[in-house]
Amino acid sequence: MARAKAKHGLFGYSGMLDNLLPIGRALKVDLGEGSAWRGFLAMVKLGGDHILAGTDHLLFLLILLLPAPLAVTGRRWHGLVGARSALGRIGRITLAFTAGHSVAPAVTALGRLDTPGWPVEAFIAASILIGAIHAIRPLLPGKEALVAGVFGLGHGMAFSFVLAEMHLSTGQLVTSLLGFNLGIELVQLLLVCLALPSLLVLARLRVQPALRLTGAVLTGTAAVGWLADRLGLPNPVARAADGAGSHTTLLLAALTVTALAATVWTGRRRPSGDLKPLSAASG
């Protein structure tokens, strides 16, 4: 039986453990003989919980996906790309984030690297802030997948702290990594599939710029609060953002309701010209 204490205050990591365990209790992972399959399934579940309980992971991914269906004119988001291009962007961003998120804990844990917690926390907060700014004004248009992959490395390092404290053998570590990463990929794919219709609908609406700006400002505010907190300045914004980790379902539901409400509202105001075909190249 391996035991690990939650000592690092990482977004997805601490949020995940806080939702799984009462404060101060140890994380117990059954790695005993004859329980390899049950241990693997437990790590798959833990990987899924890591995404569901980690507000930072979902916010970062959604804020990068938000402008994915949009075209760039000058230094502004303006108009739409084709449906195939939009889906391709969304797929590349999701896969790149998953790859970065999977590679980082493998390298860190298998290499037995001792990485301080606070730089990783600050890096994660900064990645979300950059994603929010990008949703307002394109910083690296066409390179969103690269950004997702690079920042995914930082997001993925969070779980390596848990593995390091379990003191696993190399074989157990490999099995745990495989199960955890599989759980991340499955849940992340599910969340993207749930959010995809809303993202595509919102992109076609005339009120899309206002909704996108609102989402980016809220996300950026949370990121600034997180960054200040991880640099030693506790604040209510960070506490509120951390608390939102247990409401992932509500976040996705709010996105869906917003898309439906905006569609109905704009349809009543401009029934014949507000919705644009997704294949339009510009607006």
C-alpha atoms as a PDB file:
ATOM      1  CA  MET A   1       0.000   0.000   0.000  1.00  0.00           C
ATOM      2  CA  ALA A   2       1.500   3.321  -1.042  1.00  0.00           C
ATOM      3  CA  ARG A   3       0.588   6.546   0.707  1.00  0.00           C
ATOM      4  CA  ALA A   4       0.975  10.138  -0.455  1.00  0.00           C
ATOM      5  CA  LYS A   5       0.263  13.417   1.298  1.00  0.00           C
ATOM      6  CA  ALA A   6      -1.154  16.371  -0.633  1.00  0.00           C
ATOM      7  CA  LYS A   7       1.542  18.922   0.147  1.00  0.00           C
ATOM      8  CA  HIS A   8       1.591  21.044  -3.003  1.00  0.00           C
ATOM      9  CA  GLY A   9      -1.050  23.667  -3.713  1.00  0.00           C
ATOM     10  CA  LEU A  10      -1.402  23.008  -7.428  1.00  0.00           C
ATOM     11  CA  PHE A  11      -4.660  23.803  -9.186  1.00  0.00           C
ATOM     12  CA  GLY A  12      -5.683  20.492 -10.734  1.00  0.00           C
ATOM     13  CA  TYR A  13      -3.631  18.465  -8.274  1.00  0.00           C
ATOM     14  CA  SER A  14      -4.789  20.020  -5.020  1.00  0.00           C
ATOM     15  CA  GLY A  15      -8.301  20.532  -6.385  1.00  0.00           C
ATOM     16  CA  MET A  16      -8.406  16.887  -7.387  1.00  0.00           C
ATOM     17  CA  LEU A  17      -7.246  15.651  -3.988  1.00  0.00           C
ATOM     18  CA  ASP A  18      -9.459  18.047  -2.059  1.00  0.00           C
ATOM     19  CA  ASN A  19     -12.480  16.665  -3.881  1.00  0.00           C
ATOM     20  CA  LEU A  20     -11.411  13.075  -3.328  1.00  0.00           C
ATOM     21  CA  LEU A  21     -10.250  13.319   0.283  1.00  0.00           C
ATOM     22  CA  PRO A  22     -11.083  15.164   3.504  1.00  0.00           C
ATOM     23  CA  ILE A  23      -8.438  17.717   4.425  1.00  0.00           C
ATOM     24  CA  GLY A  24      -5.402  16.217   6.134  1.00  0.00           C
ATOM     25  CA  ARG A  25      -6.063  12.606   5.175  1.00  0.00           C
ATOM     26  CA  ALA A  26      -3.631  10.522   3.156  1.00  0.00           C
ATOM     27  CA  LEU A  27      -4.205   9.378  -0.396  1.00  0.00           C
ATOM     28  CA  LYS A  28      -4.259   5.566  -0.386  1.00  0.00           C
ATOM     29  CA  VAL A  29      -3.533   3.667  -3.567  1.00  0.00           C
ATOM     30  CA  ASP A  30      -3.761  -0.127  -3.450  1.00  0.00           C
ATOM     31  CA  LEU A  31      -0.704  -1.430  -5.262  1.00  0.00           C
ATOM     32  CA  GLY A  32      -0.603  -4.813  -3.528  1.00  0.00           C
ATOM     33  CA  GLU A  33       0.032  -8.134  -5.245  1.00  0.00           C
ATOM     34  CA  GLY A  34      -2.891  -9.364  -7.298  1.00  0.00           C
ATOM     35  CA  SER A  35      -4.524  -5.945  -7.587  1.00  0.00           C
ATOM     36  CA  ALA A  36      -2.743  -4.618 -10.691  1.00  0.00           C
ATOM     37  CA  TRP A  37      -5.975  -4.379 -12.720  1.00  0.00           C
ATOM     38  CA  ARG A  38      -7.879  -2.679  -9.915  1.00  0.00           C
ATOM     39  CA  GLY A  39      -4.942  -0.339  -9.413  1.00  0.00           C
ATOM     40  CA  PHE A  40      -4.893   0.505 -13.134  1.00  0.00           C
ATOM     41  CA  LEU A  41      -8.630   1.261 -13.134  1.00  0.00           C
ATOM     42  CA  ALA A  42      -8.184   3.398 -10.017  1.00  0.00           C
ATOM     43  CA  MET A  43      -5.548   5.445 -11.840  1.00  0.00           C
ATOM     44  CA  VAL A  44      -7.858   5.816 -14.857  1.00  0.00           C
ATOM     45  CA  LYS A  45     -10.513   7.203 -12.526  1.00  0.00           C
ATOM     46  CA  LEU A  46      -7.952   9.453 -10.854  1.00  0.00           C
ATOM     47  CA  GLY A  47      -6.922  10.838 -14.251  1.00  0.00           C
ATOM     48  CA  GLY A  48     -10.555  11.612 -15.093  1.00  0.00           C
ATOM     49  CA  ASP A  49     -11.061  13.264 -11.711  1.00  0.00           C
ATOM     50  CA  HIS A  50      -7.894  15.291 -12.310  1.00  0.00           C
ATOM     51  CA  ILE A  51      -9.555  16.979 -15.291  1.00  0.00           C
ATOM     52  CA  LEU A  52     -13.017  17.264 -13.737  1.00  0.00           C
ATOM     53  CA  ALA A  53     -11.736  18.758 -10.471  1.00  0.00           C
ATOM     54  CA  GLY A  54      -9.063  20.933 -12.064  1.00  0.00           C
ATOM     55  CA  THR A  55     -10.703  24.233 -12.956  1.00  0.00           C
ATOM     56  CA  ASP A  56      -7.462  25.382 -14.541  1.00  0.00           C
ATOM     57  CA  HIS A  57      -7.332  22.558 -17.099  1.00  0.00           C
ATOM     58  CA  LEU A  58     -10.895  23.044 -18.304  1.00  0.00           C
ATOM     59  CA  LEU A  59     -10.640  26.842 -18.406  1.00  0.00           C
ATOM     60  CA  PHE A  60      -7.364  26.772 -20.322  1.00  0.00           C
ATOM     61  CA  LEU A  61      -8.678  24.309 -22.880  1.00  0.00           C
ATOM     62  CA  LEU A  62     -12.019  26.086 -23.350  1.00  0.00           C
ATOM     63  CA  ILE A  63     -10.465  29.548 -23.653  1.00  0.00           C
ATOM     64  CA  LEU A  64      -8.156  28.266 -26.407  1.00  0.00           C
ATOM     65  CA  LEU A  65     -11.054  26.555 -28.175  1.00  0.00           C
ATOM     66  CA  LEU A  66     -13.366  29.583 -27.911  1.00  0.00           C
ATOM     67  CA  PRO A  67     -11.912  31.479 -30.912  1.00  0.00           C
ATOM     68  CA  ALA A  68     -11.021  28.306 -32.858  1.00  0.00           C
ATOM     69  CA  PRO A  69     -13.884  28.716 -35.400  1.00  0.00           C
ATOM     70  CA  LEU A  70     -12.941  32.362 -36.052  1.00  0.00           C
ATOM     71  CA  ALA A  71     -10.808  33.853 -38.812  1.00  0.00           C
ATOM     72  CA  VAL A  72      -8.106  36.491 -38.290  1.00  0.00           C
ATOM     73  CA  THR A  73      -8.264  39.787 -40.158  1.00  0.00           C
ATOM     74  CA  GLY A  74      -5.354  42.052 -39.363  1.00  0.00           C
ATOM     75  CA  ARG A  75      -4.883  41.701 -35.610  1.00  0.00           C
ATOM     76  CA  ARG A  76      -8.515  40.943 -34.834  1.00  0.00           C
ATOM     77  CA  TRP A  77     -10.827  37.955 -34.725  1.00  0.00           C
ATOM     78  CA  HIS A  78     -13.280  38.622 -37.526  1.00  0.00           C
ATOM     79  CA  GLY A  79     -15.476  36.271 -39.508  1.00  0.00           C
ATOM     80  CA  LEU A  80     -15.430  32.476 -39.641  1.00  0.00           C
ATOM     81  CA  VAL A  81     -13.203  29.766 -41.039  1.00  0.00           C
ATOM     82  CA  GLY A  82     -14.647  26.735 -42.795  1.00  0.00           C
ATOM     83  CA  ALA A  83     -16.267  23.940 -40.810  1.00  0.00           C
ATOM     84  CA  ARG A  84     -13.427  21.539 -41.615  1.00  0.00           C
ATOM     85  CA  SER A  85     -10.818  24.098 -40.531  1.00  0.00           C
ATOM     86  CA  ALA A  86     -12.672  24.795 -37.280  1.00  0.00           C
ATOM     87  CA  LEU A  87     -12.944  21.114 -36.402  1.00  0.00           C
ATOM     88  CA  GLY A  88      -9.311  20.590 -37.377  1.00  0.00           C
ATOM     89  CA  ARG A  89      -8.166  23.400 -35.091  1.00  0.00           C
ATOM     90  CA  ILE A  90     -10.238  22.072 -32.200  1.00  0.00           C
ATOM     91  CA  GLY A  91      -8.859  18.564 -32.718  1.00  0.00           C
ATOM     92  CA  ARG A  92      -5.239  19.724 -32.923  1.00  0.00           C
ATOM     93  CA  ILE A  93      -5.532  21.920 -29.833  1.00  0.00           C
ATOM     94  CA  THR A  94      -7.124  19.129 -27.812  1.00  0.00           C
ATOM     95  CA  LEU A  95      -4.597  16.506 -28.905  1.00  0.00           C
ATOM     96  CA  ALA A  96      -1.634  18.829 -28.332  1.00  0.00           C
ATOM     97  CA  PHE A  97      -2.809  19.691 -24.832  1.00  0.00           C
ATOM     98  CA  THR A  98      -3.331  16.005 -24.067  1.00  0.00           C
ATOM     99  CA  ALA A  99       0.132  15.142 -25.402  1.00  0.00           C
ATOM    100  CA  GLY A 100       1.839  17.842 -23.347  1.00  0.00           C
ATOM    101  CA  HIS A 101      -0.182  16.914 -20.302  1.00  0.00           C
ATOM    102  CA  SER A 102       0.855  13.254 -20.716  1.00  0.00           C
ATOM    103  CA  VAL A 103       4.546  13.746 -21.522  1.00  0.00           C
ATOM    104  CA  ALA A 104       5.344  16.041 -18.602  1.00  0.00           C
ATOM    105  CA  PRO A 105       4.437  13.708 -15.716  1.00  0.00           C
ATOM    106  CA  ALA A 106       6.133  10.793 -17.495  1.00  0.00           C
ATOM    107  CA  VAL A 107       9.422  12.664 -17.883  1.00  0.00           C
ATOM    108  CA  THR A 108       9.284  14.191 -14.415  1.00  0.00           C
ATOM    109  CA  ALA A 109       8.237  11.026 -12.586  1.00  0.00           C
ATOM    110  CA  LEU A 110      10.350   8.489 -14.495  1.00  0.00           C
ATOM    111  CA  GLY A 111      13.344  10.830 -14.304  1.00  0.00           C
ATOM    112  CA  ARG A 112      12.749  11.264 -10.564  1.00  0.00           C
ATOM    113  CA  LEU A 113      13.076  15.021 -11.028  1.00  0.00           C
ATOM    114  CA  ASP A 114      12.537  17.155  -7.941  1.00  0.00           C
ATOM    115  CA  THR A 115      10.693  20.232  -9.210  1.00  0.00           C
ATOM    116  CA  PRO A 116       9.547  23.036  -6.865  1.00  0.00           C
ATOM    117  CA  GLY A 117       5.794  23.487  -6.787  1.00  0.00           C
ATOM    118  CA  TRP A 118       5.373  27.269  -6.982  1.00  0.00           C
ATOM    119  CA  PRO A 119       7.005  27.818 -10.418  1.00  0.00           C
ATOM    120  CA  VAL A 120       4.668  25.200 -11.893  1.00  0.00           C
ATOM    121  CA  GLU A 121       1.659  26.871 -10.271  1.00  0.00           C
ATOM    122  CA  ALA A 122       2.703  30.291 -11.570  1.00  0.00           C
ATOM    123  CA  PHE A 123       3.314  28.853 -15.053  1.00  0.00           C
ATOM    124  CA  ILE A 124      -0.183  27.351 -15.128  1.00  0.00           C
ATOM    125  CA  ALA A 125      -1.769  30.658 -14.076  1.00  0.00           C
ATOM    126  CA  ALA A 126       0.246  32.534 -16.699  1.00  0.00           C
ATOM    127  CA  SER A 127      -0.838  30.070 -19.399  1.00  0.00           C
ATOM    128  CA  ILE A 128      -4.501  30.710 -18.616  1.00  0.00           C
ATOM    129  CA  LEU A 129      -3.947  34.485 -18.674  1.00  0.00           C
ATOM    130  CA  ILE A 130      -2.241  34.270 -22.074  1.00  0.00           C
ATOM    131  CA  GLY A 131      -5.098  32.110 -23.347  1.00  0.00           C
ATOM    132  CA  ALA A 132      -7.613  34.727 -22.194  1.00  0.00           C
ATOM    133  CA  ILE A 133      -5.683  37.532 -23.923  1.00  0.00           C
ATOM    134  CA  HIS A 134      -5.491  35.414 -27.081  1.00  0.00           C
ATOM    135  CA  ALA A 135      -9.283  35.033 -27.038  1.00  0.00           C
ATOM    136  CA  ILE A 136      -9.576  38.840 -27.101  1.00  0.00           C
ATOM    137  CA  ARG A 137      -6.795  39.579 -29.588  1.00  0.00           C
ATOM    138  CA  PRO A 138      -4.997  36.823 -31.533  1.00  0.00           C
ATOM    139  CA  LEU A 139      -1.442  36.551 -30.190  1.00  0.00           C
ATOM    140  CA  LEU A 140      -0.281  33.526 -32.170  1.00  0.00           C
ATOM    141  CA  PRO A 141      -2.944  32.845 -34.807  1.00  0.00           C
ATOM    142  CA  GLY A 142      -2.532  29.423 -36.364  1.00  0.00           C
ATOM    143  CA  LYS A 143      -0.193  28.294 -33.593  1.00  0.00           C
ATOM    144  CA  GLU A 144      -2.821  27.476 -30.968  1.00  0.00           C
ATOM    145  CA  ALA A 145      -1.892  23.778 -31.018  1.00  0.00           C
ATOM    146  CA  LEU A 146       1.746  24.618 -30.318  1.00  0.00           C
ATOM    147  CA  VAL A 147       0.701  26.878 -27.447  1.00  0.00           C
ATOM    148  CA  ALA A 148      -1.573  24.157 -26.062  1.00  0.00           C
ATOM    149  CA  GLY A 149       1.219  21.593 -26.228  1.00  0.00           C
ATOM    150  CA  VAL A 150       3.820  23.793 -24.534  1.00  0.00           C
ATOM    151  CA  PHE A 151       1.496  24.921 -21.763  1.00  0.00           C
ATOM    152  CA  GLY A 152       0.167  21.378 -21.454  1.00  0.00           C
ATOM    153  CA  LEU A 153       3.642  20.404 -20.252  1.00  0.00           C
ATOM    154  CA  GLY A 154       3.267  22.731 -17.281  1.00  0.00           C
ATOM    155  CA  HIS A 155      -0.262  21.543 -16.533  1.00  0.00           C
ATOM    156  CA  GLY A 156       0.884  17.928 -16.636  1.00  0.00           C
ATOM    157  CA  MET A 157       3.715  18.400 -14.158  1.00  0.00           C
ATOM    158  CA  ALA A 158       1.185  18.770 -11.342  1.00  0.00           C
ATOM    159  CA  PHE A 159       0.449  15.064 -11.106  1.00  0.00           C
ATOM    160  CA  SER A 160       4.125  14.105 -11.021  1.00  0.00           C
ATOM    161  CA  PHE A 161       4.274  15.413  -7.449  1.00  0.00           C
ATOM    162  CA  VAL A 162       1.699  12.830  -6.398  1.00  0.00           C
ATOM    163  CA  LEU A 163       3.618  10.028  -8.110  1.00  0.00           C
ATOM    164  CA  ALA A 164       6.892  11.130  -6.548  1.00  0.00           C
ATOM    165  CA  GLU A 165       5.420  10.910  -3.054  1.00  0.00           C
ATOM    166  CA  MET A 166       4.097   7.385  -3.669  1.00  0.00           C
ATOM    167  CA  HIS A 167       7.667   6.035  -4.026  1.00  0.00           C
ATOM    168  CA  LEU A 168       6.590   3.582  -6.712  1.00  0.00           C
ATOM    169  CA  SER A 169       8.786   1.062  -8.429  1.00  0.00           C
ATOM    170  CA  THR A 170       9.462   1.684 -12.108  1.00  0.00           C
ATOM    171  CA  GLY A 171       6.906  -0.931 -13.165  1.00  0.00           C
ATOM    172  CA  GLN A 172       4.202   0.477 -10.913  1.00  0.00           C
ATOM    173  CA  LEU A 173       5.051   3.975 -12.105  1.00  0.00           C
ATOM    174  CA  VAL A 174       4.637   3.057 -15.774  1.00  0.00           C
ATOM    175  CA  THR A 175       1.289   1.349 -15.112  1.00  0.00           C
ATOM    176  CA  SER A 176       0.093   4.312 -13.047  1.00  0.00           C
ATOM    177  CA  LEU A 177       1.089   6.782 -15.770  1.00  0.00           C
ATOM    178  CA  LEU A 178      -0.695   4.780 -18.467  1.00  0.00           C
ATOM    179  CA  GLY A 179      -3.893   4.569 -16.439  1.00  0.00           C
ATOM    180  CA  PHE A 180      -3.811   8.202 -15.400  1.00  0.00           C
ATOM    181  CA  ASN A 181      -3.181   9.504 -18.910  1.00  0.00           C
ATOM    182  CA  LEU A 182      -5.926   7.270 -20.311  1.00  0.00           C
ATOM    183  CA  GLY A 183      -8.369   8.731 -17.780  1.00  0.00           C
ATOM    184  CA  ILE A 184      -7.342  12.266 -18.757  1.00  0.00           C
ATOM    185  CA  GLU A 185      -7.750  11.600 -22.476  1.00  0.00           C
ATOM    186  CA  LEU A 186     -11.158   9.930 -22.158  1.00  0.00           C
ATOM    187  CA  VAL A 187     -12.684  12.613 -19.928  1.00  0.00           C
ATOM    188  CA  GLN A 188     -11.088  15.439 -21.886  1.00  0.00           C
ATOM    189  CA  LEU A 189     -12.508  14.031 -25.140  1.00  0.00           C
ATOM    190  CA  LEU A 190     -15.933  13.772 -23.516  1.00  0.00           C
ATOM    191  CA  LEU A 191     -15.794  17.385 -22.295  1.00  0.00           C
ATOM    192  CA  VAL A 192     -14.730  18.678 -25.703  1.00  0.00           C
ATOM    193  CA  CYS A 193     -17.553  16.752 -27.376  1.00  0.00           C
ATOM    194  CA  LEU A 194     -20.033  18.263 -24.906  1.00  0.00           C
ATOM    195  CA  ALA A 195     -18.693  21.796 -25.403  1.00  0.00           C
ATOM    196  CA  LEU A 196     -18.222  21.572 -29.192  1.00  0.00           C
ATOM    197  CA  PRO A 197     -21.845  22.251 -30.266  1.00  0.00           C
ATOM    198  CA  SER A 198     -22.039  25.330 -28.035  1.00  0.00           C
ATOM    199  CA  LEU A 199     -18.711  26.684 -29.296  1.00  0.00           C
ATOM    200  CA  LEU A 200     -19.779  26.302 -32.940  1.00  0.00           C
ATOM    201  CA  VAL A 201     -23.196  27.864 -32.308  1.00  0.00           C
ATOM    202  CA  LEU A 202     -21.735  30.830 -30.424  1.00  0.00           C
ATOM    203  CA  ALA A 203     -19.225  31.470 -33.218  1.00  0.00           C
ATOM    204  CA  ARG A 204     -22.076  31.990 -35.709  1.00  0.00           C
ATOM    205  CA  LEU A 205     -23.975  34.557 -33.666  1.00  0.00           C
ATOM    206  CA  ARG A 206     -23.756  38.306 -34.053  1.00  0.00           C
ATOM    207  CA  VAL A 207     -23.429  38.613 -30.272  1.00  0.00           C
ATOM    208  CA  GLN A 208     -20.386  36.322 -30.354  1.00  0.00           C
ATOM    209  CA  PRO A 209     -17.808  39.126 -29.797  1.00  0.00           C
ATOM    210  CA  ALA A 210     -19.561  40.263 -26.610  1.00  0.00           C
ATOM    211  CA  LEU A 211     -19.879  36.716 -25.284  1.00  0.00           C
ATOM    212  CA  ARG A 212     -16.274  35.912 -26.174  1.00  0.00           C
ATOM    213  CA  LEU A 213     -15.039  39.089 -24.504  1.00  0.00           C
ATOM    214  CA  THR A 214     -17.052  38.327 -21.365  1.00  0.00           C
ATOM    215  CA  GLY A 215     -15.669  34.791 -21.146  1.00  0.00           C
ATOM    216  CA  ALA A 216     -12.108  36.000 -21.736  1.00  0.00           C
ATOM    217  CA  VAL A 217     -12.354  38.737 -19.091  1.00  0.00           C
ATOM    218  CA  LEU A 218     -13.756  36.330 -16.490  1.00  0.00           C
ATOM    219  CA  THR A 219     -11.083  33.753 -17.282  1.00  0.00           C
ATOM    220  CA  GLY A 220      -8.339  36.376 -17.271  1.00  0.00           C
ATOM    221  CA  THR A 221      -9.536  37.708 -13.913  1.00  0.00           C
ATOM    222  CA  ALA A 222      -9.376  34.210 -12.424  1.00  0.00           C
ATOM    223  CA  ALA A 223      -5.885  33.736 -13.881  1.00  0.00           C
ATOM    224  CA  VAL A 224      -4.626  37.017 -12.406  1.00  0.00           C
ATOM    225  CA  GLY A 225      -6.032  36.026  -9.012  1.00  0.00           C
ATOM    226  CA  TRP A 226      -4.370  32.615  -9.264  1.00  0.00           C
ATOM    227  CA  LEU A 227      -1.054  34.107 -10.335  1.00  0.00           C
ATOM    228  CA  ALA A 228      -1.032  36.577  -7.444  1.00  0.00           C
ATOM    229  CA  ASP A 229      -1.961  33.821  -4.989  1.00  0.00           C
ATOM    230  CA  ARG A 230       0.763  31.458  -6.240  1.00  0.00           C
ATOM    231  CA  LEU A 231       3.314  34.273  -5.936  1.00  0.00           C
ATOM    232  CA  GLY A 232       2.446  34.777  -2.278  1.00  0.00           C
ATOM    233  CA  LEU A 233      -0.503  37.185  -2.379  1.00  0.00           C
ATOM    234  CA  PRO A 234      -3.653  35.303  -1.262  1.00  0.00           C
ATOM    235  CA  ASN A 235      -6.867  36.887  -2.546  1.00  0.00           C
ATOM    236  CA  PRO A 236     -10.622  36.161  -2.724  1.00  0.00           C
ATOM    237  CA  VAL A 237     -10.544  35.866  -6.529  1.00  0.00           C
ATOM    238  CA  ALA A 238      -8.188  32.886  -6.324  1.00  0.00           C
ATOM    239  CA  ARG A 239     -10.257  31.260  -3.593  1.00  0.00           C
ATOM    240  CA  ALA A 240     -13.446  31.658  -5.617  1.00  0.00           C
ATOM    241  CA  ALA A 241     -11.761  30.276  -8.759  1.00  0.00           C
ATOM    242  CA  ASP A 242     -10.387  27.298  -6.822  1.00  0.00           C
ATOM    243  CA  GLY A 243     -13.851  26.615  -5.421  1.00  0.00           C
ATOM    244  CA  ALA A 244     -15.279  26.434  -8.928  1.00  0.00           C
ATOM    245  CA  GLY A 245     -13.357  23.186  -9.468  1.00  0.00           C
ATOM    246  CA  SER A 246     -16.253  21.193  -8.046  1.00  0.00           C
ATOM    247  CA  HIS A 247     -18.694  22.730 -10.540  1.00  0.00           C
ATOM    248  CA  THR A 248     -17.337  21.549 -13.898  1.00  0.00           C
ATOM    249  CA  THR A 249     -20.746  20.226 -14.925  1.00  0.00           C
ATOM    250  CA  LEU A 250     -22.328  23.590 -14.152  1.00  0.00           C
ATOM    251  CA  LEU A 251     -19.689  25.343 -16.258  1.00  0.00           C
ATOM    252  CA  LEU A 252     -20.476  23.190 -19.282  1.00  0.00           C
ATOM    253  CA  ALA A 253     -24.209  23.552 -18.637  1.00  0.00           C
ATOM    254  CA  ALA A 254     -23.810  27.342 -18.481  1.00  0.00           C
ATOM    255  CA  LEU A 255     -21.975  27.282 -21.818  1.00  0.00           C
ATOM    256  CA  THR A 256     -24.784  25.276 -23.406  1.00  0.00           C
ATOM    257  CA  VAL A 257     -27.541  27.452 -21.924  1.00  0.00           C
ATOM    258  CA  THR A 258     -25.720  30.608 -23.058  1.00  0.00           C
ATOM    259  CA  ALA A 259     -25.491  29.293 -26.620  1.00  0.00           C
ATOM    260  CA  LEU A 260     -29.169  28.330 -26.686  1.00  0.00           C
ATOM    261  CA  ALA A 261     -30.325  31.606 -25.116  1.00  0.00           C
ATOM    262  CA  ALA A 262     -28.190  33.692 -27.461  1.00  0.00           C
ATOM    263  CA  THR A 263     -29.517  31.759 -30.447  1.00  0.00           C
ATOM    264  CA  VAL A 264     -33.141  32.330 -29.429  1.00  0.00           C
ATOM    265  CA  TRP A 265     -32.558  36.005 -28.589  1.00  0.00           C
ATOM    266  CA  THR A 266     -30.751  36.872 -31.816  1.00  0.00           C
ATOM    267  CA  GLY A 267     -33.190  34.765 -33.832  1.00  0.00           C
ATOM    268  CA  ARG A 268     -36.080  36.856 -32.571  1.00  0.00           C
ATOM    269  CA  ARG A 269     -34.298  40.129 -33.266  1.00  0.00           C
ATOM    270  CA  ARG A 270     -32.867  39.252 -36.691  1.00  0.00           C
ATOM    271  CA  PRO A 271     -34.579  36.079 -37.852  1.00  0.00           C
ATOM    272  CA  SER A 272     -33.275  36.167 -41.391  1.00  0.00           C
ATOM    273  CA  GLY A 273     -29.689  37.360 -41.227  1.00  0.00           C
ATOM    274  CA  ASP A 274     -28.112  36.804 -37.857  1.00  0.00           C
ATOM    275  CA  LEU A 275     -26.958  33.227 -38.152  1.00  0.00           C
ATOM    276  CA  LYS A 276     -24.164  32.799 -40.659  1.00  0.00           C
ATOM    277  CA  PRO A 277     -23.173  29.540 -42.290  1.00  0.00           C
ATOM    278  CA  LEU A 278     -20.117  28.068 -40.600  1.00  0.00           C
ATOM    279  CA  SER A 279     -18.437  27.708 -43.958  1.00  0.00           C
ATOM    280  CA  ALA A 280     -18.200  31.494 -44.362  1.00  0.00           C
ATOM    281  CA  ALA A 281     -14.598  32.566 -44.693  1.00  0.00           C
ATOM    282  CA  SER A 282     -15.047  36.059 -43.312  1.00  0.00           C
ATOM    283  CA  GLY A 283     -17.566  38.263 -41.582  1.00  0.00           C
END
